[in-house]
Each structure stands twice: as C-alpha cells, then as structure tokens.
C-alpha cells in the first residue's frame, strides 16, 4: 500500500467514515508495518487530544453564554449583578 492510500484510509478511520472492507485493509497494513502502526497511534492520540480541547472549549463557551444572558437580563431589568 502506498503512503497516499494509507493516509486516506487512516483519515477515513479517524473520521469514523471507513467502510468495513477498507478498515480490514487498514488493519492488515497496521499489523504488517510497525512504522505505519506508530503513525496510526500518533494520529489517534492527536485526535483524542483535539476532541478533548474542543469539548472543553465548547463547555466553557456554553457557560459564558449562559452567564452573558443572565447578566443582560439583570441589566435590562435594573437588577444588580
């Protein structure tokens, strides 16, 4: 398998869009090629870390939005913050 196809399959896998036949092909490649297994492991770690950062950012943004709405409502009604 060439590098371009490997990266294509890896990205399909990471995105959760890989068909089962292609997943089997990727799995065979990961078993047969330790260097590509290391790349796969790195991609998975990066994906998990990115998702964690995104989830934390989204939670913080939601909390800030709720607080902003509360402060706006209090200001518009004349209540002290």
C-alpha atoms as a PDB file:
ATOM      1  CA  UNK A   1       0.000   0.000   0.000  1.00  0.00           C
ATOM      2  CA  UNK A   2       1.407   3.390  -0.910  1.00  0.00           C
ATOM      3  CA  UNK A   3       1.610   6.270   1.552  1.00  0.00           C
ATOM      4  CA  UNK A   4      -1.192   8.245  -0.078  1.00  0.00           C
ATOM      5  CA  UNK A   5      -3.669   5.368   0.221  1.00  0.00           C
ATOM      6  CA  UNK A   6      -2.552   4.651   3.785  1.00  0.00           C
ATOM      7  CA  UNK A   7      -3.190   8.242   4.855  1.00  0.00           C
ATOM      8  CA  UNK A   8      -6.536   8.265   3.057  1.00  0.00           C
ATOM      9  CA  UNK A   9      -7.669   5.128   4.908  1.00  0.00           C
ATOM     10  CA  UNK A  10      -6.311   6.468   8.178  1.00  0.00           C
ATOM     11  CA  UNK A  11      -8.256   9.699   7.805  1.00  0.00           C
ATOM     12  CA  UNK A  12     -11.437   7.816   6.931  1.00  0.00           C
ATOM     13  CA  UNK A  13     -10.920   5.751  10.077  1.00  0.00           C
ATOM     14  CA  UNK A  14     -10.283   8.779  12.297  1.00  0.00           C
ATOM     15  CA  UNK A  15     -13.407  10.474  10.886  1.00  0.00           C
ATOM     16  CA  UNK A  16     -15.489   7.352  11.518  1.00  0.00           C
ATOM     17  CA  UNK A  17     -16.308   7.038   7.817  1.00  0.00           C
ATOM     18  CA  UNK A  18     -14.303   3.980   6.776  1.00  0.00           C
ATOM     19  CA  UNK A  19     -16.199   1.110   5.135  1.00  0.00           C
ATOM     20  CA  UNK A  20     -15.576  -2.306   6.688  1.00  0.00           C
ATOM     21  CA  UNK A  21     -13.612  -3.656   3.691  1.00  0.00           C
ATOM     22  CA  UNK A  22     -11.256  -0.678   3.833  1.00  0.00           C
ATOM     23  CA  UNK A  23     -10.981  -0.995   7.617  1.00  0.00           C
ATOM     24  CA  UNK A  24      -9.835  -4.598   7.169  1.00  0.00           C
ATOM     25  CA  UNK A  25      -7.254  -3.432   4.631  1.00  0.00           C
ATOM     26  CA  UNK A  26      -6.006  -0.757   7.051  1.00  0.00           C
ATOM     27  CA  UNK A  27      -5.851  -3.275   9.887  1.00  0.00           C
ATOM     28  CA  UNK A  28      -3.708  -5.646   7.793  1.00  0.00           C
ATOM     29  CA  UNK A  29      -1.360  -2.799   6.973  1.00  0.00           C
ATOM     30  CA  UNK A  30      -1.046  -1.796  10.639  1.00  0.00           C
ATOM     31  CA  UNK A  31      -0.207  -5.377  11.617  1.00  0.00           C
ATOM     32  CA  UNK A  32       2.359  -5.765   8.838  1.00  0.00           C
ATOM     33  CA  UNK A  33       4.070  -2.371   9.148  1.00  0.00           C
ATOM     34  CA  UNK A  34       5.278  -1.162  12.579  1.00  0.00           C
ATOM     35  CA  UNK A  35       6.165   2.315  11.246  1.00  0.00           C
ATOM     36  CA  UNK A  36       2.643   2.812   9.985  1.00  0.00           C
ATOM     37  CA  UNK A  37       1.284   1.478  13.269  1.00  0.00           C
ATOM     38  CA  UNK A  38       3.279   4.201  15.021  1.00  0.00           C
ATOM     39  CA  UNK A  39       1.774   6.814  12.676  1.00  0.00           C
ATOM     40  CA  UNK A  40      -1.688   5.403  13.401  1.00  0.00           C
ATOM     41  CA  UNK A  41      -1.053   5.611  17.153  1.00  0.00           C
ATOM     42  CA  UNK A  42       0.092   9.238  16.787  1.00  0.00           C
ATOM     43  CA  UNK A  43      -2.993  10.138  14.744  1.00  0.00           C
ATOM     44  CA  UNK A  44      -5.256   8.564  17.366  1.00  0.00           C
ATOM     45  CA  UNK A  45      -3.536  10.454  20.203  1.00  0.00           C
ATOM     46  CA  UNK A  46      -3.793  13.731  18.297  1.00  0.00           C
ATOM     47  CA  UNK A  47      -7.456  13.083  17.527  1.00  0.00           C
ATOM     48  CA  UNK A  48      -8.273  12.331  21.187  1.00  0.00           C
ATOM     49  CA  UNK A  49      -6.405  15.424  22.382  1.00  0.00           C
ATOM     50  CA  UNK A  50      -8.082  17.653  19.804  1.00  0.00           C
ATOM     51  CA  UNK A  51     -11.506  16.312  20.742  1.00  0.00           C
ATOM     52  CA  UNK A  52     -10.793  16.902  24.432  1.00  0.00           C
ATOM     53  CA  UNK A  53      -9.737  20.511  23.789  1.00  0.00           C
ATOM     54  CA  UNK A  54     -12.813  21.074  21.603  1.00  0.00           C
ATOM     55  CA  UNK A  55     -15.161  19.610  24.221  1.00  0.00           C
ATOM     56  CA  UNK A  56     -13.658  21.778  26.968  1.00  0.00           C
ATOM     57  CA  UNK A  57     -13.820  24.870  24.770  1.00  0.00           C
ATOM     58  CA  UNK A  58     -17.454  24.163  23.894  1.00  0.00           C
ATOM     59  CA  UNK A  59     -18.361  23.699  27.574  1.00  0.00           C
ATOM     60  CA  UNK A  60     -16.614  26.954  28.503  1.00  0.00           C
ATOM     61  CA  UNK A  61     -18.343  28.821  25.680  1.00  0.00           C
ATOM     62  CA  UNK A  62     -21.737  27.488  26.757  1.00  0.00           C
ATOM     63  CA  UNK A  63     -21.091  28.567  30.357  1.00  0.00           C
ATOM     64  CA  UNK A  64     -20.030  32.036  29.204  1.00  0.00           C
ATOM     65  CA  UNK A  65     -23.118  32.334  27.000  1.00  0.00           C
ATOM     66  CA  UNK A  66     -25.412  31.433  29.880  1.00  0.00           C
ATOM     67  CA  UNK A  67     -23.660  33.947  32.140  1.00  0.00           C
ATOM     68  CA  UNK A  68     -23.870  36.645  29.453  1.00  0.00           C
ATOM     69  CA  UNK A  69     -27.608  36.088  29.051  1.00  0.00           C
ATOM     70  CA  UNK A  70     -28.096  36.232  32.830  1.00  0.00           C
ATOM     71  CA  UNK A  71     -26.135  39.499  33.102  1.00  0.00           C
ATOM     72  CA  UNK A  72     -28.018  41.004  30.150  1.00  0.00           C
ATOM     73  CA  UNK A  73     -31.362  40.067  31.691  1.00  0.00           C
ATOM     74  CA  UNK A  74     -30.355  41.536  35.033  1.00  0.00           C
ATOM     75  CA  UNK A  75     -29.133  44.742  33.378  1.00  0.00           C
ATOM     76  CA  UNK A  76     -32.268  45.150  31.324  1.00  0.00           C
ATOM     77  CA  UNK A  77     -34.493  44.718  34.358  1.00  0.00           C
ATOM     78  CA  UNK A  78     -32.442  47.037  36.519  1.00  0.00           C
ATOM     79  CA  UNK A  79     -31.452  44.335  38.999  1.00  0.00           C
ATOM     80  CA  UNK A  80     -27.935  44.437  40.425  1.00  0.00           C
ATOM     81  CA  UNK A  81     -25.470  41.881  39.079  1.00  0.00           C
END
